[in-house]
Protein backbone atom coordinates (compact mmCIF):
# COMPACT_ATOMS: atom_id res chain seq x y z
CA MET A 1 79.38 78.33 14.10
CA SER A 2 75.88 77.75 13.03
CA ALA A 3 74.07 74.54 12.96
CA GLY A 4 74.01 74.64 9.09
CA ALA A 5 77.64 74.99 8.86
CA CYS A 6 78.47 72.25 11.28
CA CYS A 7 76.11 69.95 9.01
CA LYS A 8 77.68 70.85 6.00
CA VAL A 9 81.10 69.83 7.16
CA ALA A 10 80.00 66.54 8.56
CA ARG A 11 78.28 65.99 5.22
CA ARG A 12 81.39 66.82 3.44
CA ARG A 13 83.53 64.45 5.71
CA GLY A 14 80.89 61.72 5.04
CA GLU A 15 81.19 62.39 1.29
CA VAL A 16 85.09 62.31 1.54
CA ALA A 17 84.91 58.88 3.49
CA GLY A 18 82.61 57.41 0.86
CA TRP A 19 85.31 57.71 -1.60
CA ILE A 20 88.30 56.90 0.61
CA VAL A 21 86.96 53.62 2.03
CA PRO A 22 86.18 51.63 -0.94
CA SER A 23 89.36 52.81 -2.45
CA VAL A 24 91.38 51.67 0.24
CA VAL A 25 89.76 48.27 0.51
CA LEU A 26 90.34 47.88 -3.38
CA ALA A 27 93.87 48.69 -3.08
CA LEU A 28 94.58 46.56 -0.06
CA MET A 29 92.69 43.57 -1.28
CA PRO A 30 94.86 40.51 -1.69
CA LYS A 31 94.84 38.67 -4.91
CA CYS A 32 95.05 34.95 -3.60
CA PRO A 33 92.13 33.57 -1.34
CA ALA A 34 94.58 32.19 1.01
CA CYS A 35 95.80 35.62 2.09
CA VAL A 36 91.93 36.55 2.43
CA ALA A 37 91.40 33.72 4.81
CA ALA A 38 94.57 34.72 6.61
CA TYR A 39 93.35 38.15 6.95
CA VAL A 40 90.04 36.94 8.15
CA ALA A 41 91.52 34.56 10.66
CA ILE A 42 93.96 37.62 12.00
CA ALA A 43 91.12 40.05 12.26
CA THR A 44 88.48 37.98 13.62
CA GLY A 45 89.85 34.71 14.66
CA ILE A 46 87.70 32.73 12.75
CA GLY A 47 89.17 30.45 10.10
CA ILE A 48 87.34 30.13 6.92
CA SER A 49 87.88 27.72 4.02
CA LEU A 50 89.52 28.91 0.56
CA PRO A 51 86.43 28.65 -1.34
CA THR A 52 84.54 30.80 1.07
CA ALA A 53 87.52 33.28 1.03
CA THR A 54 87.21 33.26 -2.77
CA TYR A 55 83.60 34.19 -2.43
CA LEU A 56 84.32 36.88 0.11
CA ARG A 57 87.00 38.51 -1.95
CA VAL A 58 84.59 38.63 -5.11
CA ALA A 59 81.73 39.96 -3.02
CA LEU A 60 84.07 42.75 -1.32
CA ILE A 61 85.40 43.90 -4.89
CA GLY A 62 81.76 43.98 -6.25
CA LEU A 63 80.48 46.05 -3.19
CA CYS A 64 83.57 48.38 -3.52
CA VAL A 65 83.10 48.75 -7.45
CA ALA A 66 79.34 49.35 -7.12
CA SER A 67 79.93 51.68 -4.20
CA LEU A 68 82.44 53.86 -6.30
CA ALA A 69 79.96 53.74 -9.21
CA LEU A 70 77.19 55.08 -7.24
CA LEU A 71 79.30 57.96 -5.84
CA ALA A 72 80.60 58.75 -9.28
CA VAL A 73 76.94 58.86 -10.63
CA ARG A 74 75.86 61.01 -7.77
CA ARG A 75 78.73 63.45 -8.33
CA VAL A 76 78.20 63.73 -12.33
CA ARG A 77 74.59 64.38 -11.61
CA ARG A 78 75.19 66.94 -9.14
CA LEU A 79 77.56 68.55 -11.54
CA VAL A 80 75.06 68.45 -14.44
CA GLN A 81 72.53 70.12 -12.27
CA ARG A 82 74.65 72.69 -11.32
CA VAL A 83 76.02 73.48 -14.87
CA PHE A 84 72.55 72.99 -16.49
CA PRO A 85 69.80 73.92 -14.03
CA ARG A 86 66.21 73.08 -15.07
CA PRO A 87 64.27 76.11 -15.74
CA GLY A 88 61.69 76.54 -12.90
CA ALA A 89 62.85 74.21 -10.49
CA SER A 90 64.31 76.05 -7.49
CA GLY A 91 64.07 73.13 -4.96
CA LEU A 92 61.94 73.30 -1.76
CA ASN A 93 60.70 76.83 -2.30
CA GLU A 94 59.05 75.89 -5.55
CA LEU A 95 57.27 73.04 -3.82
CA THR A 96 55.87 75.39 -0.94
CA ARG A 97 54.73 78.11 -3.53
CA ARG A 98 52.42 75.56 -5.26
CA MET A 99 50.91 74.39 -1.89
């Protein structure tokens, strides 16, 4: 297996993980702040207050939604570039020819 093929597999796995992790976090995120506080206490051994758990929950939801939106925008942009390529733009080869 060449180094290029290995890098493509690793990149693809990273892309899939980028979709799975925020989706799983959103799916498993509890609705009540008391449950968030309990999960944090179980996972880390640190107790947090309910207002802090509320802020943490909102922040995690915001980060997951923003991450999924960014991934969706990147995917759509790649798809549009593949379907409608810009004339005369062939990537790095075009830049090296100009130099």
